[in-house]
Amino acid sequence: MQGLLTDLYELTMAAGYVQAGKAQEVASFELFIRHLPPHRSFVVAAGLAQAVEYLLGLCFTEEEIEYLRGLPQLARAPEDFFETLRRLRFTGDLWAVPEGTPLFPGEPVLTVRAPLVEAQIVETYLLATIAYQTLVATKAARIVETAQGRAVVEFGTRRAHSPQAGVLGARAAYIGGCVGTSNTLAGMKFGVPVYGTAAHSWVQAFTEELEAFRQLQRLLGPSTIYLIDTYDTLEGARKAASLGRPLWGVRLDSGDLLSLSRQVRAILDEAGLREARIMASGDLNEYKIRRLVEAGAPIDAFGVGTELATSADAPALGAVYKLVELEERGVRRYTAKLSLDKATMPGAKQVFRFADHDLVSCAWEAAPPGGEPLLQPIIKGGRLVSALPSAAVAREHAARSLARLPEGVRRLQQPEPYRVEHSAALQALAEEAWRNARAASLSGVISWGAEKR
């Protein structure tokens, strides 16, 4: 895995750690969501599989090391730094919540415990893969919630911010609740069911729309979905109905979807095709789908592309990766950031889920009765110790977990906050951080020692 897939400052810091003799100090970093976008009260964790793949494959090639040697920012780096990169593999531990787990602000998605130089270099990649997939999985969960049992298919690859984002976005959308994707590579790599038949260009490639439909039916049989709005939607529906069975249904991609779906439903029913389904697409999102569902539109499935693959109303997620502990010669130093609006809680943590709230505690605390620990060991000493569930299993976990959340928390707009408490021990650590900061007249990053537990 390319070690250079990181930010330069991760490497300059790594060089500095080698220079200062700190490279092998054992550090604990936590990745969490600091603030949620508007109208979100939770996120759906996704991207762990790619994070694990990256960590287990982490290395630097000779070509990459020689490139770094030529950078002016590293001209004074000690030779030991480049030798460290040459030997670098991930030898640490990873704890993480299962993909598909709903989380709330400040709760760790994952914890990395590794030699400082390793834990620092992996920051950029972990943030990128976790934040994007979590963003899309969360958007998918919102859309699926509003569809109220109607199938939602991810159509976003062509509008994603890159081909790679299209593949991972399809995976994340599936975990978030979509029934499948149009992306065939995501189907092959991750087992996501694939959907799709023909576009407007198919109809335009034939002289007659009816002939285009006839050829499509010949090719696809019971999987046939006619795209009926290339010229005249209602006339297209009549032509599709005239061909009878086999078919899956028809798709509407433009116009007044509420009115057209009602008229098309009547045409199909009159032809005796009551089992034929109607799919709608065309710049849909959770808000538009909610209006259609509440109005009683006879639509059986939705295809959602741009708004899902880009999470258009909330295109960025405030994920951060922060140092919370540092160990040297048997002594643990807790670290915290106390800057206004960007404060962090010191110490590695565990999250326990109860029926109606979460408890964030210090990682060393015993599990409270009835609490389900969310962070699980994934990598120990650089080796995988827990098999990663498939995307399908993560999807099932997400569905069960989301269904257990209060309805108000899942509300589309102005959702209720979920109760997240901190243990007494964690609160004591945080209060000690503030006392130390006040005593030193600081408002930045602070640390203090404690006996290793």
Protein backbone atom coordinates (compact mmCIF):
# COMPACT_ATOMS: atom_id res chain seq x y z
CA MET A 1 0.00 0.00 0.00
CA GLN A 2 1.44 3.38 -0.97
CA GLY A 3 2.90 5.06 2.07
CA LEU A 4 2.87 8.38 0.24
CA LEU A 5 -0.91 8.51 0.32
CA THR A 6 -0.69 10.97 3.20
CA ASP A 7 -0.14 14.65 3.93
CA LEU A 8 3.40 16.04 3.95
CA TYR A 9 3.15 17.20 7.54
CA GLU A 10 2.59 13.63 8.72
CA LEU A 11 6.01 12.82 7.27
CA THR A 12 7.77 15.92 8.57
CA MET A 13 6.39 15.13 12.03
CA ALA A 14 7.54 11.53 11.64
CA ALA A 15 11.03 12.74 10.75
CA GLY A 16 10.96 14.98 13.80
CA TYR A 17 9.95 12.08 16.04
CA VAL A 18 12.93 10.08 14.77
CA GLN A 19 15.21 13.07 15.29
CA ALA A 20 13.96 13.57 18.86
CA GLY A 21 14.13 9.88 19.78
CA LYS A 22 10.34 9.66 20.16
CA ALA A 23 9.49 7.43 17.18
CA GLN A 24 8.91 4.30 19.28
CA GLU A 25 6.88 5.89 22.06
CA VAL A 26 3.50 4.16 22.07
CA ALA A 27 0.73 6.56 21.12
CA SER A 28 -3.05 6.24 21.18
CA PHE A 29 -5.04 8.25 18.64
CA GLU A 30 -8.82 8.37 18.35
CA LEU A 31 -10.83 9.10 15.22
CA PHE A 32 -14.21 10.64 15.96
CA ILE A 33 -16.78 13.05 14.56
CA ARG A 34 -16.56 16.38 16.35
CA HIS A 35 -19.65 18.13 14.93
CA LEU A 36 -22.50 16.78 12.82
CA PRO A 37 -23.89 18.49 9.71
CA PRO A 38 -27.28 20.22 9.93
CA HIS A 39 -30.30 18.00 10.59
CA ARG A 40 -28.15 15.03 11.62
CA SER A 41 -28.11 13.61 15.12
CA PHE A 42 -26.07 10.49 14.30
CA VAL A 43 -23.74 8.98 11.73
CA VAL A 44 -23.51 5.42 10.40
CA ALA A 45 -19.92 4.21 10.67
CA ALA A 46 -18.44 2.84 7.45
CA GLY A 47 -15.04 2.40 5.82
CA LEU A 48 -13.42 0.08 8.37
CA ALA A 49 -12.62 -2.63 5.82
CA GLN A 50 -10.59 -0.22 3.71
CA ALA A 51 -8.88 1.18 6.81
CA VAL A 52 -7.80 -2.32 7.85
CA GLU A 53 -6.60 -3.16 4.34
CA TYR A 54 -4.49 0.00 4.36
CA LEU A 55 -2.96 -0.63 7.79
CA LEU A 56 -2.06 -4.25 7.04
CA GLY A 57 -0.45 -3.26 3.74
CA LEU A 58 1.33 -0.11 4.90
CA CYS A 59 4.83 0.27 3.44
CA PHE A 60 7.09 2.63 1.51
CA THR A 61 8.78 1.66 -1.75
CA GLU A 62 12.33 2.65 -2.66
CA GLU A 63 10.93 5.00 -5.30
CA GLU A 64 8.80 6.74 -2.68
CA ILE A 65 11.70 7.05 -0.25
CA GLU A 66 13.94 8.55 -2.93
CA TYR A 67 11.21 11.05 -3.77
CA LEU A 68 11.05 12.11 -0.13
CA ARG A 69 14.83 12.50 0.00
CA GLY A 70 14.52 15.14 -2.71
CA LEU A 71 11.97 17.30 -0.88
CA PRO A 72 13.42 20.51 0.57
CA GLN A 73 11.29 20.08 3.69
CA LEU A 74 13.14 16.84 4.46
CA ALA A 75 16.62 17.93 3.41
CA ARG A 76 17.74 17.98 7.05
CA ALA A 77 15.92 14.82 8.11
CA PRO A 78 18.20 12.26 9.78
CA GLU A 79 19.19 9.22 7.76
CA ASP A 80 17.49 7.07 10.39
CA PHE A 81 14.17 8.54 9.25
CA PHE A 82 14.51 7.14 5.73
CA GLU A 83 15.65 3.81 7.14
CA THR A 84 12.59 3.86 9.41
CA LEU A 85 10.36 4.31 6.36
CA ARG A 86 12.14 1.49 4.56
CA ARG A 87 11.32 -0.91 7.39
CA LEU A 88 7.93 0.55 8.24
CA ARG A 89 5.01 -1.80 8.74
CA PHE A 90 2.00 -1.32 10.98
CA THR A 91 2.83 -3.15 14.21
CA GLY A 92 0.19 -1.65 16.46
CA ASP A 93 -3.38 -2.27 17.59
CA LEU A 94 -6.68 -1.15 16.12
CA TRP A 95 -9.97 -1.03 17.99
CA ALA A 96 -13.06 -0.02 16.05
CA VAL A 97 -16.84 -0.09 16.06
CA PRO A 98 -18.41 -2.50 13.55
CA GLU A 99 -19.43 -0.96 10.24
CA GLY A 100 -23.08 0.01 10.26
CA THR A 101 -23.01 1.17 13.90
CA PRO A 102 -24.80 4.48 14.58
CA LEU A 103 -22.54 6.89 16.48
CA PHE A 104 -22.88 10.31 18.02
CA PRO A 105 -20.56 13.33 18.28
CA GLY A 106 -17.38 12.71 20.25
CA GLU A 107 -17.66 8.92 20.24
CA PRO A 108 -14.60 7.13 18.81
CA VAL A 109 -15.09 5.37 15.50
CA LEU A 110 -11.69 3.76 15.97
CA THR A 111 -8.61 3.87 18.20
CA VAL A 112 -5.07 3.32 16.94
CA ARG A 113 -2.40 2.32 19.47
CA ALA A 114 1.02 2.04 17.87
CA PRO A 115 4.55 3.47 17.86
CA LEU A 116 4.19 7.22 17.41
CA VAL A 117 5.72 7.33 13.94
CA GLU A 118 3.28 4.67 12.65
CA ALA A 119 0.22 6.11 14.32
CA GLN A 120 0.99 9.58 12.95
CA ILE A 121 1.59 8.63 9.32
CA VAL A 122 -1.73 6.78 8.96
CA GLU A 123 -3.88 9.76 10.01
CA THR A 124 -4.66 11.15 6.55
CA TYR A 125 -5.75 7.89 4.95
CA LEU A 126 -7.88 6.83 7.91
CA LEU A 127 -9.69 10.16 7.99
CA ALA A 128 -10.30 10.12 4.24
CA THR A 129 -11.72 6.62 3.97
CA ILE A 130 -13.75 6.66 7.20
CA ALA A 131 -15.18 10.16 6.78
CA TYR A 132 -16.34 9.73 3.17
CA GLN A 133 -17.93 6.33 3.58
CA THR A 134 -19.54 7.33 6.87
CA LEU A 135 -20.93 10.44 5.19
CA VAL A 136 -22.53 8.40 2.38
CA ALA A 137 -23.78 5.60 4.64
CA THR A 138 -25.46 8.21 6.82
CA LYS A 139 -27.06 9.90 3.81
CA ALA A 140 -28.29 6.52 2.57
CA ALA A 141 -29.82 5.73 5.97
CA ARG A 142 -31.75 9.01 5.88
CA ILE A 143 -33.04 8.34 2.36
CA VAL A 144 -34.02 4.75 3.15
CA GLU A 145 -35.83 5.91 6.31
CA THR A 146 -38.01 8.30 4.32
CA ALA A 147 -38.74 5.72 1.60
CA GLN A 148 -40.68 3.72 4.23
CA GLY A 149 -39.99 0.26 2.90
CA ARG A 150 -39.71 1.15 -0.78
CA ALA A 151 -36.46 0.00 -2.36
CA VAL A 152 -33.68 2.57 -2.83
CA VAL A 153 -30.95 1.90 -5.41
CA GLU A 154 -27.68 3.86 -5.47
CA PHE A 155 -27.14 5.46 -8.91
CA GLY A 156 -24.33 7.89 -8.07
CA THR A 157 -21.10 6.68 -9.66
CA ARG A 158 -21.18 9.07 -12.62
CA ARG A 159 -21.69 12.02 -10.27
CA ALA A 160 -19.26 10.98 -7.54
CA HIS A 161 -16.13 13.05 -7.08
CA SER A 162 -13.94 10.33 -8.62
CA PRO A 163 -14.30 6.79 -9.96
CA GLN A 164 -12.78 5.51 -6.71
CA ALA A 165 -15.31 7.49 -4.69
CA GLY A 166 -18.05 5.99 -6.83
CA VAL A 167 -17.03 2.45 -5.89
CA LEU A 168 -16.62 3.14 -2.17
CA GLY A 169 -19.73 5.32 -2.14
CA ALA A 170 -21.75 2.44 -3.58
CA ARG A 171 -20.45 0.17 -0.83
CA ALA A 172 -21.25 2.72 1.86
CA ALA A 173 -24.74 3.37 0.47
CA TYR A 174 -25.43 -0.37 0.60
CA ILE A 175 -24.34 -0.52 4.24
CA GLY A 176 -26.62 2.46 4.93
CA GLY A 177 -29.64 0.55 3.62
CA CYS A 178 -29.81 0.79 -0.17
CA VAL A 179 -30.81 -2.50 -1.81
CA GLY A 180 -28.05 -2.23 -4.40
CA THR A 181 -26.10 -0.10 -6.83
CA SER A 182 -25.60 0.53 -10.52
CA ASN A 183 -21.81 0.18 -10.01
CA THR A 184 -20.67 -3.19 -11.31
CA LEU A 185 -17.19 -2.99 -9.77
CA ALA A 186 -18.76 -2.51 -6.34
CA GLY A 187 -20.86 -5.56 -7.13
CA MET A 188 -17.82 -7.68 -7.92
CA LYS A 189 -15.56 -6.41 -5.10
CA PHE A 190 -18.04 -6.13 -2.26
CA GLY A 191 -20.99 -8.34 -3.21
CA VAL A 192 -23.38 -5.40 -3.55
CA PRO A 193 -26.41 -6.37 -5.70
CA VAL A 194 -26.35 -4.52 -9.03
CA TYR A 195 -29.29 -2.95 -10.87
CA GLY A 196 -29.78 -1.19 -14.18
CA THR A 197 -31.17 -1.66 -17.66
CA ALA A 198 -30.98 1.11 -20.26
CA ALA A 199 -30.67 4.89 -20.59
CA HIS A 200 -32.31 7.45 -22.86
CA SER A 201 -29.55 6.82 -25.41
CA TRP A 202 -30.88 3.27 -25.84
CA VAL A 203 -34.27 4.59 -26.92
CA GLN A 204 -32.67 7.25 -29.13
CA ALA A 205 -30.53 4.63 -30.87
CA PHE A 206 -33.66 3.10 -32.43
CA THR A 207 -35.96 4.69 -34.98
CA GLU A 208 -39.04 3.70 -33.00
CA GLU A 209 -39.43 3.78 -29.22
CA LEU A 210 -41.55 0.63 -29.35
CA GLU A 211 -38.76 -1.26 -31.12
CA ALA A 212 -36.30 -0.10 -28.45
CA PHE A 213 -38.62 -1.48 -25.79
CA ARG A 214 -39.14 -4.72 -27.69
CA GLN A 215 -35.40 -5.33 -28.02
CA LEU A 216 -34.89 -4.55 -24.34
CA GLN A 217 -37.54 -7.05 -23.33
CA ARG A 218 -35.97 -9.64 -25.61
CA LEU A 219 -32.62 -9.11 -23.88
CA LEU A 220 -33.69 -8.81 -20.26
CA GLY A 221 -36.95 -10.71 -19.95
CA PRO A 222 -38.39 -10.45 -16.42
CA SER A 223 -35.68 -7.95 -15.43
CA THR A 224 -36.92 -5.42 -17.99
CA ILE A 225 -37.38 -1.85 -16.77
CA TYR A 226 -38.54 0.51 -19.50
CA LEU A 227 -37.34 4.11 -19.26
CA ILE A 228 -40.49 5.76 -20.56
CA ASP A 229 -39.81 9.52 -20.48
CA THR A 230 -37.47 9.98 -23.46
CA TYR A 231 -40.22 11.59 -25.57
CA ASP A 232 -43.68 11.46 -24.00
CA THR A 233 -44.01 9.73 -20.65
CA LEU A 234 -47.61 8.60 -20.92
CA GLU A 235 -47.22 7.41 -24.51
CA GLY A 236 -44.09 5.56 -23.41
CA ALA A 237 -46.11 3.89 -20.67
CA ARG A 238 -48.75 2.77 -23.18
CA LYS A 239 -46.09 1.29 -25.46
CA ALA A 240 -44.48 -0.54 -22.55
CA ALA A 241 -47.86 -1.88 -21.46
CA SER A 242 -48.64 -3.06 -24.99
CA LEU A 243 -45.70 -5.47 -24.86
CA GLY A 244 -47.15 -7.22 -21.84
CA ARG A 245 -45.09 -9.68 -19.84
CA PRO A 246 -42.34 -10.38 -18.93
CA LEU A 247 -41.21 -7.16 -17.29
CA TRP A 248 -40.15 -5.76 -13.92
CA GLY A 249 -41.65 -2.34 -14.48
CA VAL A 250 -41.02 1.17 -15.78
CA ARG A 251 -38.87 4.09 -14.72
CA LEU A 252 -39.71 7.79 -14.54
CA ASP A 253 -36.72 10.13 -14.67
CA SER A 254 -38.27 13.58 -15.11
CA GLY A 255 -41.39 15.69 -14.80
CA ASP A 256 -43.99 15.84 -12.06
CA LEU A 257 -43.32 12.45 -10.50
CA LEU A 258 -46.44 12.50 -8.33
CA SER A 259 -48.86 13.19 -11.18
CA LEU A 260 -47.05 11.02 -13.72
CA SER A 261 -46.75 8.04 -11.38
CA ARG A 262 -50.50 8.09 -10.79
CA GLN A 263 -51.28 8.23 -14.50
CA VAL A 264 -48.72 5.56 -15.37
CA ARG A 265 -50.05 3.31 -12.61
CA ALA A 266 -53.53 3.60 -14.14
CA ILE A 267 -52.19 2.70 -17.60
CA LEU A 268 -50.37 -0.38 -16.30
CA ASP A 269 -53.34 -1.53 -14.24
CA GLU A 270 -55.72 -1.09 -17.16
CA ALA A 271 -53.44 -3.36 -19.20
CA GLY A 272 -53.62 -6.01 -16.50
CA LEU A 273 -50.05 -5.39 -15.35
CA ARG A 274 -50.82 -4.73 -11.70
CA GLU A 275 -47.59 -6.44 -10.63
CA ALA A 276 -45.48 -4.09 -12.78
CA ARG A 277 -43.55 -1.67 -10.61
CA ILE A 278 -42.76 2.01 -11.00
CA MET A 279 -39.28 3.30 -10.24
CA ALA A 280 -38.56 7.02 -9.96
CA SER A 281 -35.23 8.80 -10.34
CA GLY A 282 -33.92 12.24 -11.26
CA ASP A 283 -32.11 14.40 -8.66
CA LEU A 284 -33.97 12.80 -5.78
CA ASN A 285 -33.08 13.15 -2.12
CA GLU A 286 -34.70 12.35 1.22
CA TYR A 287 -36.76 15.53 1.24
CA LYS A 288 -38.26 14.98 -2.23
CA ILE A 289 -38.88 11.32 -1.49
CA ARG A 290 -40.65 12.21 1.74
CA ARG A 291 -43.01 14.54 -0.13
CA LEU A 292 -43.79 11.84 -2.69
CA VAL A 293 -44.41 9.20 -0.04
CA GLU A 294 -46.58 11.48 2.08
CA ALA A 295 -48.61 12.40 -1.00
CA GLY A 296 -49.28 8.73 -1.70
CA ALA A 297 -47.35 8.49 -4.98
CA PRO A 298 -47.67 4.92 -6.33
CA ILE A 299 -43.89 4.56 -6.64
CA ASP A 300 -42.31 1.24 -5.67
CA ALA A 301 -38.62 2.08 -5.84
CA PHE A 302 -36.29 5.06 -6.03
CA GLY A 303 -32.97 5.49 -7.80
CA VAL A 304 -30.81 8.12 -6.10
CA GLY A 305 -27.54 9.33 -7.60
CA THR A 306 -26.00 12.78 -7.25
CA GLU A 307 -27.53 13.68 -3.91
CA LEU A 308 -26.43 10.37 -2.39
CA ALA A 309 -22.91 9.94 -3.79
CA THR A 310 -22.00 13.52 -2.86
CA SER A 311 -24.24 13.89 0.21
CA ALA A 312 -25.15 17.15 -1.44
CA ASP A 313 -26.78 18.90 1.52
CA ALA A 314 -23.87 17.96 3.82
CA PRO A 315 -20.84 17.24 1.62
CA ALA A 316 -18.23 17.15 4.39
CA LEU A 317 -17.97 15.49 7.76
CA GLY A 318 -16.05 16.94 10.69
CA ALA A 319 -13.95 13.87 11.41
CA VAL A 320 -10.76 14.35 13.44
CA TYR A 321 -7.89 12.12 14.56
CA LYS A 322 -6.45 13.19 17.90
CA LEU A 323 -3.65 12.06 20.19
CA VAL A 324 -5.14 11.07 23.56
CA GLU A 325 -2.35 9.09 25.24
CA LEU A 326 1.41 8.62 24.97
CA GLU A 327 3.40 5.93 26.78
CA GLU A 328 7.13 5.95 27.50
CA ARG A 329 9.03 3.63 29.84
CA GLY A 330 5.90 2.43 31.58
CA VAL A 331 4.37 5.84 32.17
CA ARG A 332 1.19 6.93 30.45
CA ARG A 333 0.77 10.60 29.62
CA TYR A 334 -2.74 11.78 28.92
CA THR A 335 -3.09 14.49 26.31
CA ALA A 336 -5.96 16.85 25.59
CA LYS A 337 -6.67 19.80 23.33
CA LEU A 338 -8.47 22.63 25.10
CA SER A 339 -8.89 25.19 22.32
CA LEU A 340 -12.32 26.79 22.19
CA ASP A 341 -14.79 24.69 20.14
CA LYS A 342 -12.09 22.08 19.48
CA ALA A 343 -11.54 20.59 22.91
CA THR A 344 -10.87 16.87 23.17
CA MET A 345 -11.30 14.43 26.04
CA PRO A 346 -8.06 12.85 27.30
CA GLY A 347 -7.32 9.14 27.37
CA ALA A 348 -8.29 6.15 25.25
CA LYS A 349 -11.98 5.36 25.57
CA GLN A 350 -14.66 2.74 25.24
CA VAL A 351 -18.31 3.37 24.38
CA PHE A 352 -21.04 1.32 26.05
CA ARG A 353 -24.49 1.28 24.50
CA PHE A 354 -27.59 0.86 26.62
CA ALA A 355 -31.23 0.77 25.58
CA ASP A 356 -31.70 4.53 25.81
CA HIS A 357 -28.24 6.12 26.04
CA ASP A 358 -24.50 5.69 25.54
CA LEU A 359 -21.77 5.85 28.16
CA VAL A 360 -18.27 6.95 27.13
CA SER A 361 -15.69 5.67 29.61
CA CYS A 362 -11.94 5.28 29.98
CA ALA A 363 -10.74 2.23 28.06
CA TRP A 364 -9.46 0.57 31.23
CA GLU A 365 -12.78 0.76 33.09
CA ALA A 366 -14.81 -2.38 33.70
CA ALA A 367 -17.93 -2.84 31.61
CA PRO A 368 -21.03 -1.57 33.43
CA PRO A 369 -23.94 -4.01 33.78
CA GLY A 370 -26.15 -4.02 30.70
CA GLY A 371 -23.76 -1.99 28.56
CA GLU A 372 -22.69 -3.27 25.14
CA PRO A 373 -19.06 -2.32 24.33
CA LEU A 374 -18.96 -0.85 20.82
CA LEU A 375 -15.21 -0.71 20.14
CA GLN A 376 -13.86 -4.17 19.32
CA PRO A 377 -10.26 -5.39 18.81
CA ILE A 378 -9.53 -5.69 15.09
CA ILE A 379 -5.72 -5.68 14.83
CA LYS A 380 -3.30 -6.71 17.58
CA GLY A 381 0.45 -6.33 17.17
CA GLY A 382 0.03 -5.71 13.46
CA ARG A 383 -2.03 -8.87 12.89
CA LEU A 384 -5.72 -9.19 12.11
CA VAL A 385 -7.49 -10.80 15.08
CA SER A 386 -11.14 -10.33 14.06
CA ALA A 387 -12.64 -11.34 10.74
CA LEU A 388 -14.31 -8.38 9.07
CA PRO A 389 -17.99 -8.82 8.21
CA SER A 390 -19.11 -8.49 4.61
CA ALA A 391 -20.91 -5.39 3.40
CA ALA A 392 -24.15 -7.39 3.53
CA VAL A 393 -23.62 -8.27 7.20
CA ALA A 394 -22.73 -4.64 7.97
CA ARG A 395 -25.96 -3.59 6.23
CA GLU A 396 -28.00 -5.94 8.41
CA HIS A 397 -26.25 -4.63 11.52
CA ALA A 398 -27.02 -1.06 10.49
CA ALA A 399 -30.70 -1.84 9.93
CA ARG A 400 -31.06 -3.47 13.35
CA SER A 401 -29.11 -0.75 15.14
CA LEU A 402 -30.96 2.12 13.49
CA ALA A 403 -34.33 0.54 14.24
CA ARG A 404 -33.45 0.59 17.95
CA LEU A 405 -32.85 4.35 17.97
CA PRO A 406 -35.75 6.51 19.14
CA GLU A 407 -37.91 7.82 16.32
CA GLY A 408 -37.14 11.40 17.29
CA VAL A 409 -33.41 10.79 16.86
CA ARG A 410 -34.03 9.51 13.32
CA ARG A 411 -36.22 12.47 12.42
CA LEU A 412 -35.33 14.05 9.08
CA GLN A 413 -35.24 17.63 10.31
CA GLN A 414 -34.61 19.02 13.78
CA PRO A 415 -33.96 15.57 15.25
CA GLU A 416 -33.79 15.03 18.99
CA PRO A 417 -30.30 14.66 20.47
CA TYR A 418 -29.34 11.23 21.77
CA ARG A 419 -28.19 11.03 25.37
CA VAL A 420 -24.43 10.45 25.66
CA GLU A 421 -22.95 10.40 29.16
CA HIS A 422 -19.35 10.32 30.39
CA SER A 423 -18.16 8.08 33.19
CA ALA A 424 -17.00 9.60 36.47
CA ALA A 425 -13.42 8.54 35.75
CA LEU A 426 -13.42 10.19 32.33
CA GLN A 427 -14.95 13.35 33.74
CA ALA A 428 -12.23 13.41 36.40
CA LEU A 429 -9.55 13.19 33.72
CA ALA A 430 -11.14 16.04 31.79
CA GLU A 431 -11.41 18.19 34.91
CA GLU A 432 -7.75 17.53 35.68
CA ALA A 433 -6.90 18.70 32.17
CA TRP A 434 -8.68 22.00 32.77
CA ARG A 435 -7.03 22.46 36.17
CA ASN A 436 -3.60 21.88 34.68
CA ALA A 437 -4.37 24.30 31.88
CA ARG A 438 -5.53 27.03 34.24
CA ALA A 439 -2.51 26.54 36.46
CA ALA A 440 -0.18 26.97 33.51
CA SER A 441 -2.32 29.69 31.86
CA LEU A 442 -2.58 27.61 28.71
CA SER A 443 -5.37 27.07 26.20
CA GLY A 444 -3.70 24.64 23.85
CA VAL A 445 -2.59 21.00 23.98
CA ILE A 446 -1.55 19.78 27.40
CA SER A 447 -0.35 16.51 28.87
CA TRP A 448 0.37 15.10 32.31
CA GLY A 449 1.72 11.88 33.68
CA ALA A 450 0.03 8.94 35.34
CA GLU A 451 1.06 5.49 36.39
CA LYS A 452 0.65 2.96 33.63
CA ARG A 453 -2.44 0.89 34.29
